[in-house]
């Protein structure tokens, strides 16, 4: 009652002061002095806006909010925290509306109420609360980034074999943040000196824990302790615990782990020990010209790795600790017969029927019919920087006068055998100049095989599409 009485008395005193002020004419002068401006003692969040126009007030509010938005805040959960800026959260402020509200303080359309309200500002301070909002689109973008940093996935436990030892790494929990109240906490920052937001979170358990490994660990240890021996004739081989470990892996069947065999690694081990007694097959080589045996070859002997693998798979999972002995089985491969042509010089009979033989060393091109050399001509092959390719090719196209766009010249009696390479007569230029016969016998071309006038036409008329071209040194 005493407090209420004091308020009533205070209001009465204020009313009397206002009336006295109005009676003296000072109140009307006060209203005139603040025409178009915010009245005295009016502020927004302790920002004094007295005597400012709405535009001026809006600019000051904006500046103060920008300074505020440049401050850092911390968003924290039980296990993790991040630091960001208020301006990145999507928090915004309508400074125009706030300035308008401040300007309206002390004003009214009613003369009497305006008189009273304006007089009140003269004696009593009035501070409007700033009410920031959240820009939804900016907030969603911010939340996506921030929450992704605070969330983290659980880590499953892992099981592996290293150097013959079972290695188990325990998993860890993950975190999923609850962000429903994040917008309201961001808004509350504007009227709170504490710049820390605390969010609740849920623990996410890993899918796989060490409890899933019990059976697989027992199986693995049982295999690693096996006394396993491979034998062949008088030789025997025993893989170490480390080598056995390389054979093993793990399979996850809906959370139930079991041991699997790495068949490639097992075969790799068998390959390694087989080098001690396997014999590589060597083909029998016969001279294609006279039938003489160049190399009689050698029968191959190889371990049947599939049989060995099948024996391992049938015994290694057994719970019994008895030794495992695997006798390696082998099979033989007879040598193949290969006809061999000497790699250098002119050797008739390389192909059935007609073919072209080009000897780059002696700069000769010969027409060969089966085992008969019909005639040979001097050529000019590619210079050292642009060599003629060697190997077996075939005539793929023919043109009695081919134009070279690359070199802007004519190539009479053109016979293509490999991409841009071909047989042709000494080149001619549009101005009538023709490559000299003196260049024949010397490798000076751009990679093609050049023939002299006469021989080029001779060879052109003799070959057909598909005729083999054998080029060698």
Protein backbone atom coordinates (compact mmCIF):
# COMPACT_ATOMS: atom_id res chain seq x y z
CA UNK A 1 0.00 0.00 0.00
CA UNK A 2 2.85 2.34 0.86
CA UNK A 3 4.53 1.73 -2.56
CA UNK A 4 1.25 2.29 -4.38
CA UNK A 5 0.70 5.50 -2.49
CA UNK A 6 4.17 6.71 -3.39
CA UNK A 7 3.46 6.04 -7.08
CA UNK A 8 0.21 7.95 -6.91
CA UNK A 9 1.88 10.87 -5.20
CA UNK A 10 4.75 10.78 -7.72
CA UNK A 11 2.29 10.83 -10.60
CA UNK A 12 0.44 13.72 -9.10
CA UNK A 13 3.66 15.68 -8.61
CA UNK A 14 4.68 14.96 -12.23
CA UNK A 15 1.29 16.12 -13.47
CA UNK A 16 1.59 19.33 -11.51
CA UNK A 17 5.10 19.96 -12.87
CA UNK A 18 3.89 19.40 -16.42
CA UNK A 19 0.96 21.73 -15.93
CA UNK A 20 3.25 24.36 -14.45
CA UNK A 21 5.62 23.90 -17.37
CA UNK A 22 2.77 24.25 -19.84
CA UNK A 23 1.37 27.27 -18.00
CA UNK A 24 4.67 29.03 -18.19
CA UNK A 25 4.86 28.37 -21.96
CA UNK A 26 8.09 26.43 -21.58
CA UNK A 27 6.43 23.16 -22.66
CA UNK A 28 5.30 24.67 -25.95
CA UNK A 29 8.82 25.97 -26.53
CA UNK A 30 10.13 22.47 -25.70
CA UNK A 31 7.80 20.87 -28.26
CA UNK A 32 8.83 23.42 -30.88
CA UNK A 33 12.55 22.90 -30.18
CA UNK A 34 12.10 19.12 -30.72
CA UNK A 35 9.85 19.36 -33.76
CA UNK A 36 10.89 16.57 -36.16
CA UNK A 37 13.31 15.21 -33.56
CA UNK A 38 13.24 12.62 -30.84
CA UNK A 39 12.39 14.08 -27.45
CA UNK A 40 14.82 14.45 -24.59
CA UNK A 41 15.61 11.44 -22.38
CA UNK A 42 14.58 8.92 -25.09
CA UNK A 43 17.04 6.05 -25.78
CA UNK A 44 17.11 2.57 -27.27
CA UNK A 45 19.06 -0.02 -25.28
CA UNK A 46 20.89 2.84 -23.50
CA UNK A 47 21.78 4.54 -26.81
CA UNK A 48 20.80 8.17 -26.22
CA UNK A 49 18.83 9.39 -29.24
CA UNK A 50 17.70 12.75 -27.78
CA UNK A 51 17.44 15.55 -30.32
CA UNK A 52 18.06 13.29 -33.37
CA UNK A 53 15.91 12.97 -36.43
CA UNK A 54 14.57 9.52 -37.31
CA UNK A 55 17.18 9.13 -40.08
CA UNK A 56 20.01 10.13 -37.72
CA UNK A 57 18.72 7.79 -35.04
CA UNK A 58 18.41 4.91 -37.51
CA UNK A 59 22.03 5.41 -38.64
CA UNK A 60 23.33 5.40 -35.05
CA UNK A 61 21.31 2.28 -34.20
CA UNK A 62 22.69 0.56 -37.32
CA UNK A 63 26.26 1.48 -36.41
CA UNK A 64 25.88 0.24 -32.85
CA UNK A 65 24.29 -2.99 -34.04
CA UNK A 66 27.12 -3.54 -36.55
CA UNK A 67 29.69 -3.13 -33.75
CA UNK A 68 27.68 -5.60 -31.70
CA UNK A 69 27.35 -8.06 -34.62
CA UNK A 70 31.13 -8.06 -35.08
CA UNK A 71 31.56 -9.66 -31.65
CA UNK A 72 32.44 -13.32 -31.29
CA UNK A 73 30.20 -15.84 -29.58
CA UNK A 74 30.80 -19.40 -28.43
CA UNK A 75 28.36 -22.23 -29.10
CA UNK A 76 29.05 -25.12 -26.76
CA UNK A 77 27.86 -28.67 -26.21
CA UNK A 78 28.95 -31.16 -23.60
CA UNK A 79 31.81 -32.45 -25.75
CA UNK A 80 32.66 -29.73 -28.23
CA UNK A 81 32.49 -25.99 -28.89
CA UNK A 82 32.93 -23.62 -31.82
CA UNK A 83 33.52 -19.86 -32.05
CA UNK A 84 31.75 -17.70 -34.62
CA UNK A 85 30.51 -14.13 -35.12
CA UNK A 86 27.04 -12.80 -34.26
CA UNK A 87 26.72 -11.37 -37.78
CA UNK A 88 26.99 -14.91 -39.21
CA UNK A 89 24.02 -16.23 -37.25
CA UNK A 90 21.32 -14.46 -39.27
CA UNK A 91 20.48 -11.98 -36.49
CA UNK A 92 19.10 -8.72 -37.95
CA UNK A 93 17.70 -5.44 -36.64
CA UNK A 94 15.06 -3.11 -38.11
CA UNK A 95 16.65 0.24 -37.17
CA UNK A 96 13.99 2.24 -39.02
CA UNK A 97 11.16 0.82 -36.93
CA UNK A 98 13.11 1.37 -33.71
CA UNK A 99 13.87 5.00 -34.69
CA UNK A 100 10.17 5.55 -35.51
CA UNK A 101 9.14 4.11 -32.15
CA UNK A 102 11.61 6.37 -30.36
CA UNK A 103 10.28 9.38 -32.28
CA UNK A 104 6.70 8.45 -31.31
CA UNK A 105 7.64 8.46 -27.61
CA UNK A 106 6.12 11.62 -26.09
CA UNK A 107 3.81 12.22 -29.05
CA UNK A 108 0.09 11.66 -29.56
CA UNK A 109 -2.61 12.86 -31.97
CA UNK A 110 -4.64 14.16 -29.03
CA UNK A 111 -3.50 17.62 -27.95
CA UNK A 112 -3.98 16.95 -24.23
CA UNK A 113 -2.30 13.54 -24.30
CA UNK A 114 0.52 14.93 -26.47
CA UNK A 115 0.94 17.75 -23.96
CA UNK A 116 1.20 15.30 -21.10
CA UNK A 117 3.43 12.73 -22.88
CA UNK A 118 5.90 15.31 -24.20
CA UNK A 119 6.14 16.94 -20.79
CA UNK A 120 6.79 13.54 -19.25
CA UNK A 121 9.92 13.05 -21.45
CA UNK A 122 11.30 16.30 -20.10
CA UNK A 123 11.49 14.86 -16.59
CA UNK A 124 11.69 11.04 -17.01
CA UNK A 125 14.12 8.91 -19.04
CA UNK A 126 12.55 6.43 -21.44
CA UNK A 127 14.62 3.52 -22.91
CA UNK A 128 13.10 1.32 -25.61
CA UNK A 129 14.16 -2.29 -25.82
CA UNK A 130 15.76 -3.34 -29.11
CA UNK A 131 13.98 -6.36 -30.54
CA UNK A 132 16.21 -8.17 -33.10
CA UNK A 133 14.88 -10.83 -35.49
CA UNK A 134 16.26 -13.88 -37.28
CA UNK A 135 16.68 -13.91 -41.06
CA UNK A 136 15.50 -17.46 -41.82
CA UNK A 137 17.57 -18.05 -44.97
CA UNK A 138 20.81 -16.77 -43.40
CA UNK A 139 20.09 -18.68 -40.20
CA UNK A 140 19.55 -21.98 -42.03
CA UNK A 141 22.86 -21.55 -43.84
CA UNK A 142 24.59 -20.74 -40.54
CA UNK A 143 22.97 -23.67 -38.72
CA UNK A 144 24.03 -26.13 -41.39
CA UNK A 145 27.68 -25.11 -41.01
CA UNK A 146 27.68 -24.71 -37.22
CA UNK A 147 25.79 -27.89 -36.37
CA UNK A 148 27.91 -29.93 -38.79
CA UNK A 149 30.95 -28.78 -36.82
CA UNK A 150 29.38 -29.71 -33.50
CA UNK A 151 27.99 -33.06 -34.65
CA UNK A 152 30.38 -35.96 -35.04
CA UNK A 153 29.87 -39.54 -36.07
CA UNK A 154 30.56 -42.45 -33.76
CA UNK A 155 33.64 -44.54 -34.54
CA UNK A 156 33.21 -48.27 -34.80
CA UNK A 157 35.63 -50.55 -33.05
CA UNK A 158 38.12 -52.21 -35.43
CA UNK A 159 39.84 -55.57 -35.51
CA UNK A 160 42.98 -56.35 -37.49
CA UNK A 161 46.04 -58.58 -37.56
CA UNK A 162 49.47 -56.94 -37.53
CA UNK A 163 52.69 -58.95 -37.56
CA UNK A 164 50.78 -62.02 -36.41
CA UNK A 165 49.15 -60.21 -33.47
CA UNK A 166 45.46 -59.43 -33.06
CA UNK A 167 44.96 -55.68 -32.81
CA UNK A 168 41.72 -54.32 -31.42
CA UNK A 169 40.84 -50.61 -31.32
CA UNK A 170 37.85 -49.61 -29.22
CA UNK A 171 35.19 -47.45 -30.82
CA UNK A 172 33.90 -44.11 -29.55
CA UNK A 173 30.52 -42.38 -29.21
CA UNK A 174 29.26 -39.72 -31.58
CA UNK A 175 27.16 -36.63 -30.91
CA UNK A 176 23.94 -35.26 -32.38
CA UNK A 177 23.09 -31.69 -31.37
CA UNK A 178 19.59 -30.48 -30.47
CA UNK A 179 19.22 -27.04 -32.10
CA UNK A 180 15.50 -26.28 -31.65
CA UNK A 181 16.14 -23.44 -29.17
CA UNK A 182 19.18 -22.03 -30.99
CA UNK A 183 17.24 -19.14 -32.67
CA UNK A 184 15.79 -17.94 -29.35
CA UNK A 185 19.22 -18.11 -27.70
CA UNK A 186 20.74 -16.06 -30.54
CA UNK A 187 18.04 -13.39 -30.13
CA UNK A 188 18.59 -13.27 -26.37
CA UNK A 189 22.24 -12.36 -26.91
CA UNK A 190 21.21 -8.80 -27.78
CA UNK A 191 20.14 -8.18 -24.19
CA UNK A 192 22.73 -10.42 -22.51
CA UNK A 193 26.35 -9.70 -21.70
CA UNK A 194 27.16 -13.43 -21.75
CA UNK A 195 28.12 -14.35 -25.31
CA UNK A 196 27.96 -18.12 -24.85
CA UNK A 197 25.20 -20.41 -26.13
CA UNK A 198 24.88 -23.87 -24.62
CA UNK A 199 23.08 -26.55 -26.64
CA UNK A 200 21.99 -29.97 -25.50
CA UNK A 201 23.06 -33.03 -27.45
CA UNK A 202 22.32 -36.73 -27.78
CA UNK A 203 24.95 -39.46 -27.60
CA UNK A 204 25.15 -41.71 -30.67
CA UNK A 205 26.51 -45.18 -29.97
CA UNK A 206 28.81 -46.95 -32.48
CA UNK A 207 27.36 -49.85 -34.44
CA UNK A 208 30.33 -52.08 -33.68
CA UNK A 209 31.98 -52.47 -30.29
CA UNK A 210 34.63 -54.83 -28.98
CA UNK A 211 31.83 -57.13 -27.82
CA UNK A 212 31.25 -58.01 -31.50
CA UNK A 213 34.77 -59.44 -31.83
CA UNK A 214 34.76 -62.18 -29.21
CA UNK A 215 34.11 -65.15 -31.52
CA UNK A 216 36.35 -63.83 -34.34
CA UNK A 217 39.27 -63.30 -31.94
CA UNK A 218 38.98 -66.88 -30.68
CA UNK A 219 38.90 -68.23 -34.26
CA UNK A 220 41.88 -66.09 -35.26
CA UNK A 221 44.06 -67.10 -32.33
CA UNK A 222 43.26 -70.75 -33.02
CA UNK A 223 44.47 -70.42 -36.64
CA UNK A 224 47.57 -68.40 -35.75
CA UNK A 225 48.66 -71.20 -33.41
CA UNK A 226 48.36 -73.88 -36.11
CA UNK A 227 51.43 -75.94 -36.92
CA UNK A 228 51.06 -76.00 -40.71
CA UNK A 229 53.67 -77.53 -43.04
CA UNK A 230 53.88 -77.74 -46.85
CA UNK A 231 56.01 -80.49 -48.33
CA UNK A 232 57.30 -81.45 -51.76
CA UNK A 233 59.59 -84.47 -52.12
CA UNK A 234 62.35 -83.84 -49.57
CA UNK A 235 61.57 -80.15 -49.04
CA UNK A 236 59.28 -78.71 -46.37
CA UNK A 237 58.06 -75.17 -45.60
CA UNK A 238 56.34 -73.83 -42.46
CA UNK A 239 54.72 -70.37 -42.56
CA UNK A 240 55.44 -68.14 -39.57
CA UNK A 241 52.73 -66.67 -37.35
CA UNK A 242 53.23 -63.36 -39.18
CA UNK A 243 52.77 -65.05 -42.58
CA UNK A 244 49.67 -66.87 -41.33
CA UNK A 245 48.30 -63.51 -40.21
CA UNK A 246 48.53 -62.21 -43.78
CA UNK A 247 46.19 -65.00 -44.88
CA UNK A 248 43.41 -63.87 -42.56
CA UNK A 249 40.75 -61.21 -42.71
CA UNK A 250 37.38 -60.52 -41.08
CA UNK A 251 33.80 -60.58 -42.35
CA UNK A 252 31.00 -58.57 -40.75
CA UNK A 253 27.64 -60.30 -41.07
CA UNK A 254 25.12 -57.90 -39.49
CA UNK A 255 27.37 -57.25 -36.50
CA UNK A 256 28.67 -60.82 -36.19
CA UNK A 257 32.37 -61.05 -37.09
CA UNK A 258 34.06 -64.15 -38.41
CA UNK A 259 37.45 -65.02 -39.92
CA UNK A 260 37.90 -65.21 -43.70
CA UNK A 261 40.82 -66.44 -45.77
CA UNK A 262 42.61 -64.11 -48.19
CA UNK A 263 43.08 -66.55 -51.07
CA UNK A 264 45.38 -64.23 -53.04
CA UNK A 265 47.80 -63.94 -50.11
CA UNK A 266 47.78 -67.70 -49.60
CA UNK A 267 48.60 -68.25 -53.29
CA UNK A 268 51.31 -65.60 -53.05
CA UNK A 269 52.95 -67.58 -50.22
CA UNK A 270 52.70 -70.82 -52.23
CA UNK A 271 54.21 -69.00 -55.21
CA UNK A 272 57.15 -67.92 -53.03
CA UNK A 273 57.98 -71.40 -51.74
CA UNK A 274 57.34 -72.98 -55.16
CA UNK A 275 60.28 -71.04 -56.63
CA UNK A 276 62.47 -73.59 -54.88
CA UNK A 277 61.41 -76.46 -57.15
CA UNK A 278 59.14 -75.27 -59.96
CA UNK A 279 60.57 -75.38 -63.50
CA UNK A 280 59.60 -72.70 -66.01
CA UNK A 281 58.44 -73.94 -69.39
CA UNK A 282 60.69 -72.88 -72.27
CA UNK A 283 59.31 -73.03 -75.81
CA UNK A 284 60.98 -75.09 -78.52
CA UNK A 285 62.38 -72.74 -81.19
CA UNK A 286 62.66 -73.85 -84.80
CA UNK A 287 64.25 -71.91 -87.64
CA UNK A 288 61.37 -70.97 -89.96
CA UNK A 289 63.61 -71.14 -93.04
CA UNK A 290 65.32 -74.52 -92.76
CA UNK A 291 63.50 -76.31 -89.90
CA UNK A 292 66.60 -76.65 -87.75
CA UNK A 293 66.05 -76.65 -83.98
CA UNK A 294 67.47 -73.52 -82.43
CA UNK A 295 66.40 -74.37 -78.84
CA UNK A 296 64.87 -77.75 -77.85
CA UNK A 297 62.89 -76.05 -75.06
CA UNK A 298 62.04 -77.42 -71.62
CA UNK A 299 59.00 -79.03 -70.01
CA UNK A 300 57.49 -76.91 -67.22
CA UNK A 301 56.58 -78.15 -63.75
CA UNK A 302 54.19 -76.13 -61.58
CA UNK A 303 52.48 -76.43 -58.20
CA UNK A 304 48.73 -76.83 -58.42
CA UNK A 305 47.84 -73.86 -56.19
CA UNK A 306 44.10 -74.48 -56.36
CA UNK A 307 44.53 -77.97 -54.90
CA UNK A 308 46.76 -76.61 -52.12
CA UNK A 309 44.25 -73.85 -51.37
CA UNK A 310 41.40 -76.36 -51.18
CA UNK A 311 43.37 -78.47 -48.67
CA UNK A 312 44.08 -75.42 -46.50
CA UNK A 313 40.43 -74.35 -46.47
CA UNK A 314 39.28 -77.83 -45.47
CA UNK A 315 41.63 -78.05 -42.46
CA UNK A 316 42.54 -74.62 -41.13
CA UNK A 317 39.17 -73.90 -39.47
CA UNK A 318 39.24 -77.15 -37.47
CA UNK A 319 39.29 -76.60 -33.71
CA UNK A 320 41.76 -79.44 -33.19
CA UNK A 321 45.36 -78.42 -32.50
CA UNK A 322 46.84 -81.34 -34.48
CA UNK A 323 49.52 -80.38 -37.06
CA UNK A 324 48.37 -79.76 -40.62
CA UNK A 325 50.52 -81.32 -43.34
CA UNK A 326 49.88 -80.47 -46.98
CA UNK A 327 51.72 -82.32 -49.74
CA UNK A 328 52.02 -80.01 -52.72
CA UNK A 329 50.82 -81.50 -56.00
CA UNK A 330 52.41 -80.51 -59.32
CA UNK A 331 51.50 -80.69 -62.98
CA UNK A 332 53.58 -80.42 -66.16
CA UNK A 333 53.32 -78.34 -69.33
CA UNK A 334 54.91 -79.47 -72.58
CA UNK A 335 56.85 -76.80 -74.50
CA UNK A 336 55.16 -75.18 -77.49
CA UNK A 337 56.94 -75.10 -80.85
CA UNK A 338 57.67 -71.62 -82.13
CA UNK A 339 59.00 -70.81 -85.60
CA UNK A 340 61.64 -68.14 -85.46
CA UNK A 341 62.90 -65.86 -88.18
CA UNK A 342 66.30 -64.23 -87.88
CA UNK A 343 65.75 -60.65 -86.75
CA UNK A 344 68.29 -58.97 -89.08
CA UNK A 345 68.79 -58.89 -92.85
CA UNK A 346 66.69 -60.08 -95.76
CA UNK A 347 65.10 -63.46 -94.97
CA UNK A 348 62.75 -64.79 -97.67
CA UNK A 349 59.73 -66.81 -96.62
CA UNK A 350 58.51 -64.62 -93.75
CA UNK A 351 55.02 -64.58 -95.30
CA UNK A 352 53.14 -66.72 -97.75
CA UNK A 353 52.79 -65.05 -101.14
CA UNK A 354 54.12 -61.60 -102.03
CA UNK A 355 55.43 -59.09 -99.51
CA UNK A 356 57.72 -56.05 -99.28
CA UNK A 357 60.99 -56.30 -97.31
CA UNK A 358 62.60 -52.97 -96.30
CA UNK A 359 66.18 -53.10 -94.98
CA UNK A 360 66.93 -49.78 -93.25
CA UNK A 361 70.56 -50.63 -92.60
CA UNK A 362 71.36 -51.18 -96.30
CA UNK A 363 68.66 -48.77 -97.59
CA UNK A 364 67.10 -51.47 -99.76
CA UNK A 365 63.51 -52.42 -100.63
CA UNK A 366 62.92 -55.88 -102.07
CA UNK A 367 59.91 -57.53 -103.66
CA UNK A 368 59.64 -61.05 -102.23
CA UNK A 369 57.36 -63.85 -103.44
CA UNK A 370 57.27 -66.54 -100.71
CA UNK A 371 60.95 -67.66 -100.59
CA UNK A 372 61.98 -65.95 -103.83
CA UNK A 373 63.52 -62.47 -103.94
CA UNK A 374 62.26 -60.95 -107.21
CA UNK A 375 64.14 -57.61 -107.31
CA UNK A 376 65.51 -54.91 -104.99
CA UNK A 377 65.70 -51.10 -105.21
CA UNK A 378 67.66 -48.41 -103.39
CA UNK A 379 65.55 -46.26 -101.06
CA UNK A 380 65.78 -43.24 -98.79
CA UNK A 381 64.19 -43.87 -95.35
CA UNK A 382 63.62 -41.48 -92.44
CA UNK A 383 66.44 -39.31 -91.12
CA UNK A 384 67.66 -39.98 -87.53
CA UNK A 385 65.39 -37.31 -86.04
CA UNK A 386 62.33 -38.70 -87.90
CA UNK A 387 63.01 -42.46 -88.22
CA UNK A 388 60.95 -44.91 -90.24
CA UNK A 389 59.02 -47.26 -87.93
CA UNK A 390 60.10 -50.92 -87.84
CA UNK A 391 57.83 -53.97 -87.63
CA UNK A 392 55.21 -55.73 -89.72
CA UNK A 393 52.65 -53.55 -91.50
CA UNK A 394 50.30 -53.87 -94.48
CA UNK A 395 49.40 -51.69 -97.46
CA UNK A 396 46.18 -49.96 -96.39
CA UNK A 397 45.59 -47.46 -99.23
CA UNK A 398 47.05 -46.45 -102.62
CA UNK A 399 46.98 -43.22 -104.65
CA UNK A 400 48.94 -42.56 -107.87
CA UNK A 401 49.59 -38.94 -106.77
CA UNK A 402 49.02 -38.08 -103.11
CA UNK A 403 49.15 -34.47 -101.84
CA UNK A 404 50.90 -33.82 -98.49
CA UNK A 405 49.17 -30.94 -96.70
CA UNK A 406 51.78 -31.04 -93.95
CA UNK A 407 54.74 -30.45 -96.29
CA UNK A 408 52.88 -28.94 -99.32
CA UNK A 409 54.27 -31.37 -101.91
CA UNK A 410 53.20 -34.22 -104.16
CA UNK A 411 54.05 -37.90 -103.42
CA UNK A 412 53.70 -39.97 -106.62
CA UNK A 413 52.71 -43.64 -106.33
CA UNK A 414 51.72 -43.35 -102.70
CA UNK A 415 51.18 -46.59 -100.70
CA UNK A 416 50.18 -46.07 -97.08
CA UNK A 417 51.31 -48.72 -94.57
CA UNK A 418 51.15 -47.06 -91.08
CA UNK A 419 49.22 -43.86 -90.36
CA UNK A 420 51.09 -40.99 -92.10
CA UNK A 421 53.88 -43.32 -93.27
CA UNK A 422 54.00 -44.79 -96.75
CA UNK A 423 56.03 -45.88 -99.77
CA UNK A 424 56.25 -43.31 -102.58
CA UNK A 425 58.38 -41.89 -105.37
CA UNK A 426 60.78 -38.99 -104.71
CA UNK A 427 58.54 -35.99 -103.86
CA UNK A 428 57.65 -33.14 -106.20
CA UNK A 429 56.82 -29.51 -105.41
CA UNK A 430 54.11 -27.45 -107.15
CA UNK A 431 56.79 -25.25 -108.76
CA UNK A 432 58.08 -28.29 -110.69
CA UNK A 433 61.10 -29.11 -108.48
CA UNK A 434 61.63 -32.84 -107.78
CA UNK A 435 63.81 -34.47 -105.10
CA UNK A 436 67.10 -35.59 -106.61
CA UNK A 437 68.03 -39.25 -107.21
CA UNK A 438 71.33 -38.58 -105.42
CA UNK A 439 69.47 -38.67 -102.09
CA UNK A 440 68.62 -42.37 -102.59
CA UNK A 441 70.72 -44.61 -100.36
CA UNK A 442 70.78 -41.98 -97.59
CA UNK A 443 68.14 -41.72 -94.83
CA UNK A 444 66.87 -38.14 -95.31
CA UNK A 445 63.06 -38.47 -95.53
CA UNK A 446 60.46 -37.42 -92.96
CA UNK A 447 59.87 -41.10 -92.11
CA UNK A 448 58.40 -42.42 -95.36
CA UNK A 449 60.22 -44.88 -97.66
CA UNK A 450 61.16 -43.03 -100.88
CA UNK A 451 61.83 -44.83 -104.17
CA UNK A 452 63.33 -43.52 -107.38
CA UNK A 453 61.51 -42.77 -110.61
CA UNK A 454 60.57 -46.12 -112.16
CA UNK A 455 60.98 -48.39 -109.13
CA UNK A 456 58.17 -46.57 -107.28
CA UNK A 457 55.74 -47.23 -110.15
CA UNK A 458 57.04 -50.80 -110.44
CA UNK A 459 56.31 -51.54 -106.77
CA UNK A 460 52.99 -49.67 -106.92
CA UNK A 461 51.75 -51.86 -109.81
CA UNK A 462 52.97 -55.06 -108.10
CA UNK A 463 51.33 -54.66 -104.66
CA UNK A 464 47.68 -54.84 -103.68
CA UNK A 465 45.79 -53.59 -100.62
CA UNK A 466 46.79 -55.87 -97.74
CA UNK A 467 50.28 -56.74 -99.01
CA UNK A 468 52.58 -57.19 -95.95
CA UNK A 469 55.42 -54.68 -95.45
CA UNK A 470 58.23 -55.93 -93.18
CA UNK A 471 60.61 -53.16 -92.09
CA UNK A 472 63.80 -54.02 -90.18
CA UNK A 473 67.37 -52.92 -89.56
